[in-house]
Amino acid sequence: MSNSKKRRAMDFETYNQLMSKFARWMGLLFLIIAAVTFLMPMYWMITGSFKLQTVTMAVPPEFIPTNPTLENWTRLFDGPWPVWRWVVNSIAVSLLTVVLVLAISSLTGYGFGKKKFPGSNTLFFILLSTMFLPSQVMLIPLFLMVRAMHLTDTTLGTYFAMALPMISSPFGVFLIKQFCSTIPDELLDAARIDGASEWRVFTDIVVPLLKPSLAALSIFTFNQAWNFFMWHMIIATDKTQYTIPVGVSYIARTPAFGKAITDIGLSMAGGTFGAFFMIVFFIAFQQYFIRGITFGAVKG
């Protein structure tokens, strides 16, 4: 090869390396911009909880509090509202929803993934099609059913009524069904040959293999149940039955402490307090969430 051809080859290789580095840096820059964009509302809410009303409404806005204060947090917990009861309600409803969704979705997904019966594919696609229905369509029928069953007469019944719309999760069934499809049939057949019942095959073999997907589904469900504002507001008939999102909305539209306008700083303190538990739950299950999402993405 002549020197000119070698030089052109080296220049071409150098050009590819430079373009590769440029693409990586541009991708990193895009991710940073996207992260800042998505985190900005959270940052504004957190910093707003340490600002007074006059500062939160100031123009131009104050991005970094120059005189941070805990007054909003003090008034949040000293105000005429049962904040800690709202926390208990939110945790109880969310955990109950997670348990019911995991139980129903795992059984249903296993049935669709490993059991073949006439019309299984058609029934599965009909189930998935319900994901396109907006949740508002089911509010009135569900409310009438809850009222007919008198579920809101007791605290436990109210918790179950708040969890009711989510316990049949088409997304959860789809997720578990896809994971069950990756489990070798030979593994399950070997357990049956050894005398294991169908229930034991499911609990001792299938469920342990589904842990990553169950963890991912738990986070999705917990987040959705925690923020299911509209249904919780409809079901709750008393302040003591509110969840955190409904309670924060109540604070926002019910000025207290002799103020005639809504206190933005107080509302942001309530929103930050409610988001704290969701963040802790995600951090606790983060490794399982990532494993559940990426499981099966790479073969070999």
C-alpha atoms as a PDB file:
ATOM      1  CA  MET A   1       0.000   0.000   0.000  1.00  0.00           C
ATOM      2  CA  SER A   2       1.357   3.398  -0.972  1.00  0.00           C
ATOM      3  CA  ASN A   3       2.029   6.094   1.628  1.00  0.00           C
ATOM      4  CA  SER A   4      -0.884   8.196   0.342  1.00  0.00           C
ATOM      5  CA  LYS A   5      -3.341   5.314   0.782  1.00  0.00           C
ATOM      6  CA  LYS A   6      -1.990   4.614   4.285  1.00  0.00           C
ATOM      7  CA  ARG A   7      -2.381   8.285   5.145  1.00  0.00           C
ATOM      8  CA  ARG A   8      -5.965   8.320   3.859  1.00  0.00           C
ATOM      9  CA  ALA A   9      -6.757   5.162   5.848  1.00  0.00           C
ATOM     10  CA  MET A  10      -5.305   6.694   9.022  1.00  0.00           C
ATOM     11  CA  ASP A  11      -7.186   9.945   8.419  1.00  0.00           C
ATOM     12  CA  PHE A  12     -10.422   8.003   7.921  1.00  0.00           C
ATOM     13  CA  GLU A  13      -9.856   6.024  11.137  1.00  0.00           C
ATOM     14  CA  THR A  14      -9.063   9.223  13.049  1.00  0.00           C
ATOM     15  CA  TYR A  15     -12.214  10.821  11.638  1.00  0.00           C
ATOM     16  CA  ASN A  16     -14.330   7.839  12.790  1.00  0.00           C
ATOM     17  CA  GLN A  17     -12.825   8.019  16.285  1.00  0.00           C
ATOM     18  CA  LEU A  18     -13.514  11.746  16.500  1.00  0.00           C
ATOM     19  CA  MET A  19     -17.088  11.287  15.298  1.00  0.00           C
ATOM     20  CA  SER A  20     -17.587   8.458  17.788  1.00  0.00           C
ATOM     21  CA  LYS A  21     -16.360  10.656  20.647  1.00  0.00           C
ATOM     22  CA  PHE A  22     -18.500  13.531  19.403  1.00  0.00           C
ATOM     23  CA  ALA A  23     -21.584  11.287  19.316  1.00  0.00           C
ATOM     24  CA  ARG A  24     -20.893  10.072  22.871  1.00  0.00           C
ATOM     25  CA  TRP A  25     -20.478  13.617  24.167  1.00  0.00           C
ATOM     26  CA  MET A  26     -23.608  14.769  22.373  1.00  0.00           C
ATOM     27  CA  GLY A  27     -25.524  11.831  23.838  1.00  0.00           C
ATOM     28  CA  LEU A  28     -24.214  12.672  27.306  1.00  0.00           C
ATOM     29  CA  LEU A  29     -25.198  16.317  26.824  1.00  0.00           C
ATOM     30  CA  PHE A  30     -28.694  15.295  25.732  1.00  0.00           C
ATOM     31  CA  LEU A  31     -29.092  13.054  28.798  1.00  0.00           C
ATOM     32  CA  ILE A  32     -27.944  15.866  31.092  1.00  0.00           C
ATOM     33  CA  ILE A  33     -30.415  18.304  29.547  1.00  0.00           C
ATOM     34  CA  ALA A  34     -33.219  15.719  29.780  1.00  0.00           C
ATOM     35  CA  ALA A  35     -32.341  14.941  33.422  1.00  0.00           C
ATOM     36  CA  VAL A  36     -32.319  18.634  34.359  1.00  0.00           C
ATOM     37  CA  THR A  37     -35.651  19.130  32.572  1.00  0.00           C
ATOM     38  CA  PHE A  38     -37.320  16.248  34.394  1.00  0.00           C
ATOM     39  CA  LEU A  39     -35.800  17.106  37.776  1.00  0.00           C
ATOM     40  CA  MET A  40     -36.617  20.816  37.613  1.00  0.00           C
ATOM     41  CA  PRO A  41     -40.243  20.455  38.858  1.00  0.00           C
ATOM     42  CA  MET A  42     -39.020  18.355  41.801  1.00  0.00           C
ATOM     43  CA  TYR A  43     -36.268  20.884  42.545  1.00  0.00           C
ATOM     44  CA  TRP A  44     -38.733  23.774  42.342  1.00  0.00           C
ATOM     45  CA  MET A  45     -41.135  22.014  44.709  1.00  0.00           C
ATOM     46  CA  ILE A  46     -38.411  21.183  47.250  1.00  0.00           C
ATOM     47  CA  THR A  47     -36.893  24.668  47.229  1.00  0.00           C
ATOM     48  CA  GLY A  48     -40.371  26.217  47.269  1.00  0.00           C
ATOM     49  CA  SER A  49     -41.122  24.427  50.524  1.00  0.00           C
ATOM     50  CA  PHE A  50     -38.361  26.519  52.149  1.00  0.00           C
ATOM     51  CA  LYS A  51     -39.656  29.846  50.811  1.00  0.00           C
ATOM     52  CA  LEU A  52     -42.225  32.249  52.187  1.00  0.00           C
ATOM     53  CA  GLN A  53     -45.369  33.079  50.229  1.00  0.00           C
ATOM     54  CA  THR A  54     -44.008  36.425  49.009  1.00  0.00           C
ATOM     55  CA  VAL A  55     -40.849  34.773  47.700  1.00  0.00           C
ATOM     56  CA  THR A  56     -42.616  31.908  45.897  1.00  0.00           C
ATOM     57  CA  MET A  57     -44.719  34.425  43.971  1.00  0.00           C
ATOM     58  CA  ALA A  58     -41.825  36.783  43.227  1.00  0.00           C
ATOM     59  CA  VAL A  59     -41.003  37.866  39.670  1.00  0.00           C
ATOM     60  CA  PRO A  60     -38.339  37.093  38.538  1.00  0.00           C
ATOM     61  CA  PRO A  61     -38.395  33.786  40.421  1.00  0.00           C
ATOM     62  CA  GLU A  62     -35.793  32.926  43.014  1.00  0.00           C
ATOM     63  CA  PHE A  63     -34.199  29.645  41.928  1.00  0.00           C
ATOM     64  CA  ILE A  64     -31.962  29.346  44.989  1.00  0.00           C
ATOM     65  CA  PRO A  65     -33.554  30.391  48.310  1.00  0.00           C
ATOM     66  CA  THR A  66     -31.547  33.282  49.739  1.00  0.00           C
ATOM     67  CA  ASN A  67     -33.354  33.144  53.099  1.00  0.00           C
ATOM     68  CA  PRO A  68     -34.550  29.532  53.549  1.00  0.00           C
ATOM     69  CA  THR A  69     -37.055  28.934  56.319  1.00  0.00           C
ATOM     70  CA  LEU A  70     -38.738  25.955  57.983  1.00  0.00           C
ATOM     71  CA  GLU A  71     -41.943  27.885  58.599  1.00  0.00           C
ATOM     72  CA  ASN A  72     -43.874  25.953  55.948  1.00  0.00           C
ATOM     73  CA  TRP A  73     -42.826  22.622  57.423  1.00  0.00           C
ATOM     74  CA  THR A  74     -43.687  23.743  60.948  1.00  0.00           C
ATOM     75  CA  ARG A  75     -47.148  24.880  59.861  1.00  0.00           C
ATOM     76  CA  LEU A  76     -47.653  21.681  57.871  1.00  0.00           C
ATOM     77  CA  PHE A  77     -47.321  19.494  60.960  1.00  0.00           C
ATOM     78  CA  ASP A  78     -48.921  21.970  63.368  1.00  0.00           C
ATOM     79  CA  GLY A  79     -51.897  22.739  61.130  1.00  0.00           C
ATOM     80  CA  PRO A  80     -55.508  21.588  61.562  1.00  0.00           C
ATOM     81  CA  TRP A  81     -55.071  18.510  59.356  1.00  0.00           C
ATOM     82  CA  PRO A  82     -54.111  14.912  60.220  1.00  0.00           C
ATOM     83  CA  VAL A  83     -50.961  14.679  58.090  1.00  0.00           C
ATOM     84  CA  TRP A  84     -49.612  11.499  59.687  1.00  0.00           C
ATOM     85  CA  ARG A  85     -52.975   9.802  59.289  1.00  0.00           C
ATOM     86  CA  TRP A  86     -52.812  10.638  55.594  1.00  0.00           C
ATOM     87  CA  VAL A  87     -49.382   9.007  55.453  1.00  0.00           C
ATOM     88  CA  VAL A  88     -50.730   5.842  57.086  1.00  0.00           C
ATOM     89  CA  ASN A  89     -53.655   5.794  54.662  1.00  0.00           C
ATOM     90  CA  SER A  90     -51.382   6.209  51.625  1.00  0.00           C
ATOM     91  CA  ILE A  91     -48.979   3.498  52.747  1.00  0.00           C
ATOM     92  CA  ALA A  92     -51.797   1.082  53.635  1.00  0.00           C
ATOM     93  CA  VAL A  93     -53.661   1.611  50.346  1.00  0.00           C
ATOM     94  CA  SER A  94     -50.496   1.403  48.234  1.00  0.00           C
ATOM     95  CA  LEU A  95     -49.180  -1.752  49.930  1.00  0.00           C
ATOM     96  CA  LEU A  96     -52.605  -3.413  49.766  1.00  0.00           C
ATOM     97  CA  THR A  97     -52.792  -2.576  46.073  1.00  0.00           C
ATOM     98  CA  VAL A  98     -49.300  -3.971  45.459  1.00  0.00           C
ATOM     99  CA  VAL A  99     -50.112  -7.257  47.231  1.00  0.00           C
ATOM    100  CA  LEU A 100     -53.376  -7.743  45.345  1.00  0.00           C
ATOM    101  CA  VAL A 101     -51.881  -6.806  41.966  1.00  0.00           C
ATOM    102  CA  LEU A 102     -48.898  -9.142  42.437  1.00  0.00           C
ATOM    103  CA  ALA A 103     -51.136 -12.031  43.448  1.00  0.00           C
ATOM    104  CA  ILE A 104     -53.652 -11.629  40.630  1.00  0.00           C
ATOM    105  CA  SER A 105     -51.148 -10.672  37.914  1.00  0.00           C
ATOM    106  CA  SER A 106     -48.729 -13.501  38.726  1.00  0.00           C
ATOM    107  CA  LEU A 107     -51.449 -16.139  38.638  1.00  0.00           C
ATOM    108  CA  THR A 108     -53.085 -14.739  35.504  1.00  0.00           C
ATOM    109  CA  GLY A 109     -49.780 -14.124  33.719  1.00  0.00           C
ATOM    110  CA  TYR A 110     -48.626 -17.654  34.516  1.00  0.00           C
ATOM    111  CA  GLY A 111     -51.873 -19.005  33.134  1.00  0.00           C
ATOM    112  CA  PHE A 112     -51.523 -17.108  29.860  1.00  0.00           C
ATOM    113  CA  GLY A 113     -47.775 -17.788  29.591  1.00  0.00           C
ATOM    114  CA  LYS A 114     -47.678 -21.498  30.346  1.00  0.00           C
ATOM    115  CA  LYS A 115     -51.209 -22.829  29.923  1.00  0.00           C
ATOM    116  CA  LYS A 116     -52.657 -23.235  26.460  1.00  0.00           C
ATOM    117  CA  PHE A 117     -56.439 -23.416  26.208  1.00  0.00           C
ATOM    118  CA  PRO A 118     -58.961 -22.612  23.448  1.00  0.00           C
ATOM    119  CA  GLY A 119     -59.267 -18.869  22.946  1.00  0.00           C
ATOM    120  CA  SER A 120     -56.295 -18.014  25.165  1.00  0.00           C
ATOM    121  CA  ASN A 121     -54.730 -15.648  22.638  1.00  0.00           C
ATOM    122  CA  THR A 122     -58.039 -13.924  21.916  1.00  0.00           C
ATOM    123  CA  LEU A 123     -58.785 -13.520  25.607  1.00  0.00           C
ATOM    124  CA  PHE A 124     -55.279 -12.154  26.209  1.00  0.00           C
ATOM    125  CA  PHE A 125     -55.629  -9.534  23.477  1.00  0.00           C
ATOM    126  CA  ILE A 126     -59.064  -8.537  24.812  1.00  0.00           C
ATOM    127  CA  LEU A 127     -57.453  -8.088  28.228  1.00  0.00           C
ATOM    128  CA  LEU A 128     -54.682  -5.939  26.761  1.00  0.00           C
ATOM    129  CA  SER A 129     -57.213  -3.824  24.866  1.00  0.00           C
ATOM    130  CA  THR A 130     -58.629  -2.628  28.196  1.00  0.00           C
ATOM    131  CA  MET A 131     -55.384  -0.687  28.680  1.00  0.00           C
ATOM    132  CA  PHE A 132     -56.693   1.779  26.094  1.00  0.00           C
ATOM    133  CA  LEU A 133     -59.722   2.613  28.238  1.00  0.00           C
ATOM    134  CA  PRO A 134     -59.240   5.787  30.296  1.00  0.00           C
ATOM    135  CA  SER A 135     -59.628   5.232  34.020  1.00  0.00           C
ATOM    136  CA  GLN A 136     -62.351   7.901  34.169  1.00  0.00           C
ATOM    137  CA  VAL A 137     -64.682   5.595  32.203  1.00  0.00           C
ATOM    138  CA  MET A 138     -64.782   3.118  35.097  1.00  0.00           C
ATOM    139  CA  LEU A 139     -65.232   5.628  37.929  1.00  0.00           C
ATOM    140  CA  ILE A 140     -69.051   5.700  37.986  1.00  0.00           C
ATOM    141  CA  PRO A 141     -69.587   1.889  37.716  1.00  0.00           C
ATOM    142  CA  LEU A 142     -66.919   1.287  40.360  1.00  0.00           C
ATOM    143  CA  PHE A 143     -68.394   3.896  42.672  1.00  0.00           C
ATOM    144  CA  LEU A 144     -71.851   2.339  42.357  1.00  0.00           C
ATOM    145  CA  MET A 145     -70.382  -1.088  43.098  1.00  0.00           C
ATOM    146  CA  VAL A 146     -68.468   0.203  46.123  1.00  0.00           C
ATOM    147  CA  ARG A 147     -71.564   1.920  47.453  1.00  0.00           C
ATOM    148  CA  ALA A 148     -73.713  -1.201  46.928  1.00  0.00           C
ATOM    149  CA  MET A 149     -71.156  -3.292  48.853  1.00  0.00           C
ATOM    150  CA  HIS A 150     -70.955  -0.692  51.678  1.00  0.00           C
ATOM    151  CA  LEU A 151     -67.160  -0.855  51.596  1.00  0.00           C
ATOM    152  CA  THR A 152     -66.712   2.694  52.864  1.00  0.00           C
ATOM    153  CA  ASP A 153     -68.499   1.896  56.129  1.00  0.00           C
ATOM    154  CA  THR A 154     -65.222   0.730  57.712  1.00  0.00           C
ATOM    155  CA  THR A 155     -61.604   1.831  57.505  1.00  0.00           C
ATOM    156  CA  LEU A 156     -60.413  -1.497  56.072  1.00  0.00           C
ATOM    157  CA  GLY A 157     -63.264  -1.479  53.590  1.00  0.00           C
ATOM    158  CA  THR A 158     -62.286   2.040  52.501  1.00  0.00           C
ATOM    159  CA  TYR A 159     -58.701   0.890  51.915  1.00  0.00           C
ATOM    160  CA  PHE A 160     -59.955  -2.006  49.797  1.00  0.00           C
ATOM    161  CA  ALA A 161     -62.312   0.313  47.882  1.00  0.00           C
ATOM    162  CA  MET A 162     -59.393   2.636  47.081  1.00  0.00           C
ATOM    163  CA  ALA A 163     -57.355  -0.314  45.792  1.00  0.00           C
ATOM    164  CA  LEU A 164     -60.227  -1.884  43.854  1.00  0.00           C
ATOM    165  CA  PRO A 165     -59.765  -0.212  40.411  1.00  0.00           C
ATOM    166  CA  MET A 166     -56.114  -1.296  40.140  1.00  0.00           C
ATOM    167  CA  ILE A 167     -56.147  -4.909  41.296  1.00  0.00           C
ATOM    168  CA  SER A 168     -56.898  -6.122  37.760  1.00  0.00           C
ATOM    169  CA  SER A 169     -53.830  -4.800  35.976  1.00  0.00           C
ATOM    170  CA  PRO A 170     -53.543  -5.590  32.244  1.00  0.00           C
ATOM    171  CA  PHE A 171     -49.978  -4.250  32.265  1.00  0.00           C
ATOM    172  CA  GLY A 172     -49.087  -6.513  35.189  1.00  0.00           C
ATOM    173  CA  VAL A 173     -50.551  -9.555  33.454  1.00  0.00           C
ATOM    174  CA  PHE A 174     -48.671  -8.701  30.264  1.00  0.00           C
ATOM    175  CA  LEU A 175     -45.370  -8.225  32.135  1.00  0.00           C
ATOM    176  CA  ILE A 176     -45.648 -11.497  34.058  1.00  0.00           C
ATOM    177  CA  LYS A 177     -46.834 -13.372  30.976  1.00  0.00           C
ATOM    178  CA  GLN A 178     -43.752 -12.261  29.041  1.00  0.00           C
ATOM    179  CA  PHE A 179     -41.448 -13.401  31.844  1.00  0.00           C
ATOM    180  CA  CYS A 180     -43.233 -16.722  32.230  1.00  0.00           C
ATOM    181  CA  SER A 181     -42.735 -17.353  28.504  1.00  0.00           C
ATOM    182  CA  THR A 182     -38.947 -17.361  29.090  1.00  0.00           C
ATOM    183  CA  ILE A 183     -39.122 -20.161  31.696  1.00  0.00           C
ATOM    184  CA  PRO A 184     -38.196 -23.511  30.089  1.00  0.00           C
ATOM    185  CA  ASP A 185     -41.080 -25.983  29.975  1.00  0.00           C
ATOM    186  CA  GLU A 186     -38.615 -28.775  30.750  1.00  0.00           C
ATOM    187  CA  LEU A 187     -37.981 -27.274  34.195  1.00  0.00           C
ATOM    188  CA  LEU A 188     -41.667 -27.318  35.063  1.00  0.00           C
ATOM    189  CA  ASP A 189     -42.177 -30.807  33.583  1.00  0.00           C
ATOM    190  CA  ALA A 190     -39.299 -32.152  35.677  1.00  0.00           C
ATOM    191  CA  ALA A 191     -40.980 -30.841  38.837  1.00  0.00           C
ATOM    192  CA  ARG A 192     -44.289 -32.458  37.857  1.00  0.00           C
ATOM    193  CA  ILE A 193     -42.546 -35.784  37.186  1.00  0.00           C
ATOM    194  CA  ASP A 194     -41.066 -35.585  40.692  1.00  0.00           C
ATOM    195  CA  GLY A 195     -44.602 -35.391  42.070  1.00  0.00           C
ATOM    196  CA  ALA A 196     -44.982 -31.628  42.581  1.00  0.00           C
ATOM    197  CA  SER A 197     -48.526 -30.340  42.375  1.00  0.00           C
ATOM    198  CA  GLU A 198     -49.410 -27.471  40.061  1.00  0.00           C
ATOM    199  CA  TRP A 199     -49.609 -25.078  43.008  1.00  0.00           C
ATOM    200  CA  ARG A 200     -46.187 -26.157  44.262  1.00  0.00           C
ATOM    201  CA  VAL A 201     -44.703 -25.761  40.782  1.00  0.00           C
ATOM    202  CA  PHE A 202     -46.003 -22.219  40.754  1.00  0.00           C
ATOM    203  CA  THR A 203     -44.939 -21.233  44.280  1.00  0.00           C
ATOM    204  CA  ASP A 204     -41.570 -23.064  44.483  1.00  0.00           C
ATOM    205  CA  ILE A 205     -40.288 -22.711  40.922  1.00  0.00           C
ATOM    206  CA  VAL A 206     -42.137 -20.021  38.986  1.00  0.00           C
ATOM    207  CA  VAL A 207     -42.451 -17.345  41.680  1.00  0.00           C
ATOM    208  CA  PRO A 208     -38.715 -17.342  42.623  1.00  0.00           C
ATOM    209  CA  LEU A 209     -37.829 -16.942  38.947  1.00  0.00           C
ATOM    210  CA  LEU A 210     -40.297 -14.065  38.672  1.00  0.00           C
ATOM    211  CA  LYS A 211     -38.776 -12.017  41.506  1.00  0.00           C
ATOM    212  CA  PRO A 212     -37.155  -9.389  39.211  1.00  0.00           C
ATOM    213  CA  SER A 213     -40.384  -8.833  37.297  1.00  0.00           C
ATOM    214  CA  LEU A 214     -42.458  -8.821  40.489  1.00  0.00           C
ATOM    215  CA  ALA A 215     -40.147  -6.179  41.972  1.00  0.00           C
ATOM    216  CA  ALA A 216     -40.476  -4.011  38.856  1.00  0.00           C
ATOM    217  CA  LEU A 217     -44.251  -4.433  38.894  1.00  0.00           C
ATOM    218  CA  SER A 218     -44.281  -3.534  42.604  1.00  0.00           C
ATOM    219  CA  ILE A 219     -42.640  -0.178  41.922  1.00  0.00           C
ATOM    220  CA  PHE A 220     -44.968   0.632  39.024  1.00  0.00           C
ATOM    221  CA  THR A 221     -48.021  -0.339  41.074  1.00  0.00           C
ATOM    222  CA  PHE A 222     -46.919   1.453  44.246  1.00  0.00           C
ATOM    223  CA  ASN A 223     -46.284   4.649  42.311  1.00  0.00           C
ATOM    224  CA  GLN A 224     -49.610   4.461  40.513  1.00  0.00           C
ATOM    225  CA  ALA A 225     -51.553   3.629  43.678  1.00  0.00           C
ATOM    226  CA  TRP A 226     -49.840   6.398  45.638  1.00  0.00           C
ATOM    227  CA  ASN A 227     -50.825   8.992  43.023  1.00  0.00           C
ATOM    228  CA  PHE A 228     -54.322   7.724  42.151  1.00  0.00           C
ATOM    229  CA  PHE A 229     -55.731  11.095  43.145  1.00  0.00           C
ATOM    230  CA  MET A 230     -59.152  11.184  41.493  1.00  0.00           C
ATOM    231  CA  TRP A 231     -60.453   7.849  42.777  1.00  0.00           C
ATOM    232  CA  HIS A 232     -59.141   8.413  46.292  1.00  0.00           C
ATOM    233  CA  MET A 233     -60.823  11.813  46.401  1.00  0.00           C
ATOM    234  CA  ILE A 234     -64.141  10.275  45.315  1.00  0.00           C
ATOM    235  CA  ILE A 235     -64.021   7.452  47.847  1.00  0.00           C
ATOM    236  CA  ALA A 236     -62.780   9.442  50.859  1.00  0.00           C
ATOM    237  CA  THR A 237     -65.780  10.888  52.696  1.00  0.00           C
ATOM    238  CA  ASP A 238     -63.867  12.345  55.625  1.00  0.00           C
ATOM    239  CA  LYS A 239     -60.569  14.167  56.154  1.00  0.00           C
ATOM    240  CA  THR A 240     -59.233  11.237  58.169  1.00  0.00           C
ATOM    241  CA  GLN A 241     -59.636   8.987  55.103  1.00  0.00           C
ATOM    242  CA  TYR A 242     -57.564  11.166  52.765  1.00  0.00           C
ATOM    243  CA  THR A 243     -54.331   9.973  51.228  1.00  0.00           C
ATOM    244  CA  ILE A 244     -51.329  12.274  50.893  1.00  0.00           C
ATOM    245  CA  PRO A 245     -52.151  13.573  47.351  1.00  0.00           C
ATOM    246  CA  VAL A 246     -55.755  14.269  48.341  1.00  0.00           C
ATOM    247  CA  GLY A 247     -54.604  15.839  51.591  1.00  0.00           C
ATOM    248  CA  VAL A 248     -52.162  18.152  49.817  1.00  0.00           C
ATOM    249  CA  SER A 249     -54.973  19.189  47.470  1.00  0.00           C
ATOM    250  CA  TYR A 250     -57.157  19.841  50.512  1.00  0.00           C
ATOM    251  CA  ILE A 251     -54.449  22.053  52.010  1.00  0.00           C
ATOM    252  CA  ALA A 252     -54.080  23.922  48.714  1.00  0.00           C
ATOM    253  CA  ARG A 253     -57.779  24.738  48.417  1.00  0.00           C
ATOM    254  CA  THR A 254     -58.408  25.325  52.155  1.00  0.00           C
ATOM    255  CA  PRO A 255     -56.366  28.299  53.365  1.00  0.00           C
ATOM    256  CA  ALA A 256     -55.499  28.123  57.045  1.00  0.00           C
ATOM    257  CA  PHE A 257     -53.847  30.238  59.703  1.00  0.00           C
ATOM    258  CA  GLY A 258     -56.100  33.181  58.894  1.00  0.00           C
ATOM    259  CA  LYS A 259     -54.856  33.555  55.320  1.00  0.00           C
ATOM    260  CA  ALA A 260     -57.313  34.443  52.578  1.00  0.00           C
ATOM    261  CA  ILE A 261     -55.258  32.960  49.733  1.00  0.00           C
ATOM    262  CA  THR A 262     -53.747  29.590  49.072  1.00  0.00           C
ATOM    263  CA  ASP A 263     -50.314  29.213  50.638  1.00  0.00           C
ATOM    264  CA  ILE A 264     -48.025  27.986  47.848  1.00  0.00           C
ATOM    265  CA  GLY A 265     -45.100  27.291  50.185  1.00  0.00           C
ATOM    266  CA  LEU A 266     -47.274  25.179  52.460  1.00  0.00           C
ATOM    267  CA  SER A 267     -48.613  23.211  49.489  1.00  0.00           C
ATOM    268  CA  MET A 268     -45.071  22.582  48.231  1.00  0.00           C
ATOM    269  CA  ALA A 269     -44.016  21.375  51.670  1.00  0.00           C
ATOM    270  CA  GLY A 270     -46.912  18.903  51.607  1.00  0.00           C
ATOM    271  CA  GLY A 271     -46.013  17.752  48.092  1.00  0.00           C
ATOM    272  CA  THR A 272     -42.360  17.277  49.049  1.00  0.00           C
ATOM    273  CA  PHE A 273     -43.348  15.335  52.155  1.00  0.00           C
ATOM    274  CA  GLY A 274     -45.606  13.055  50.099  1.00  0.00           C
ATOM    275  CA  ALA A 275     -42.961  12.481  47.412  1.00  0.00           C
ATOM    276  CA  PHE A 276     -40.373  11.507  50.027  1.00  0.00           C
ATOM    277  CA  PHE A 277     -41.955   8.103  50.678  1.00  0.00           C
ATOM    278  CA  MET A 278     -42.207   7.329  46.965  1.00  0.00           C
ATOM    279  CA  ILE A 279     -38.513   8.155  46.497  1.00  0.00           C
ATOM    280  CA  VAL A 280     -37.518   5.958  49.450  1.00  0.00           C
ATOM    281  CA  PHE A 281     -39.560   3.055  48.058  1.00  0.00           C
ATOM    282  CA  PHE A 282     -37.902   3.388  44.652  1.00  0.00           C
ATOM    283  CA  ILE A 283     -34.380   3.544  46.138  1.00  0.00           C
ATOM    284  CA  ALA A 284     -35.066   0.464  48.256  1.00  0.00           C
ATOM    285  CA  PHE A 285     -36.103  -1.593  45.212  1.00  0.00           C
ATOM    286  CA  GLN A 286     -33.973   0.127  42.579  1.00  0.00           C
ATOM    287  CA  GLN A 287     -31.652  -2.807  41.907  1.00  0.00           C
ATOM    288  CA  TYR A 288     -34.591  -5.180  41.472  1.00  0.00           C
ATOM    289  CA  PHE A 289     -36.380  -2.661  39.272  1.00  0.00           C
ATOM    290  CA  ILE A 290     -33.408  -2.360  36.885  1.00  0.00           C
ATOM    291  CA  ARG A 291     -32.932  -6.121  36.866  1.00  0.00           C
ATOM    292  CA  GLY A 292     -36.608  -6.668  36.133  1.00  0.00           C
ATOM    293  CA  ILE A 293     -36.666  -4.160  33.278  1.00  0.00           C
ATOM    294  CA  THR A 294     -33.477  -5.432  31.616  1.00  0.00           C
ATOM    295  CA  PHE A 295     -34.129  -9.141  32.209  1.00  0.00           C
ATOM    296  CA  GLY A 296     -34.261 -10.972  28.932  1.00  0.00           C
ATOM    297  CA  ALA A 297     -33.161  -7.947  26.916  1.00  0.00           C
ATOM    298  CA  VAL A 298     -29.810  -9.526  26.124  1.00  0.00           C
ATOM    299  CA  LYS A 299     -29.504 -13.170  25.135  1.00  0.00           C
ATOM    300  CA  GLY A 300     -26.463 -15.330  25.159  1.00  0.00           C
END
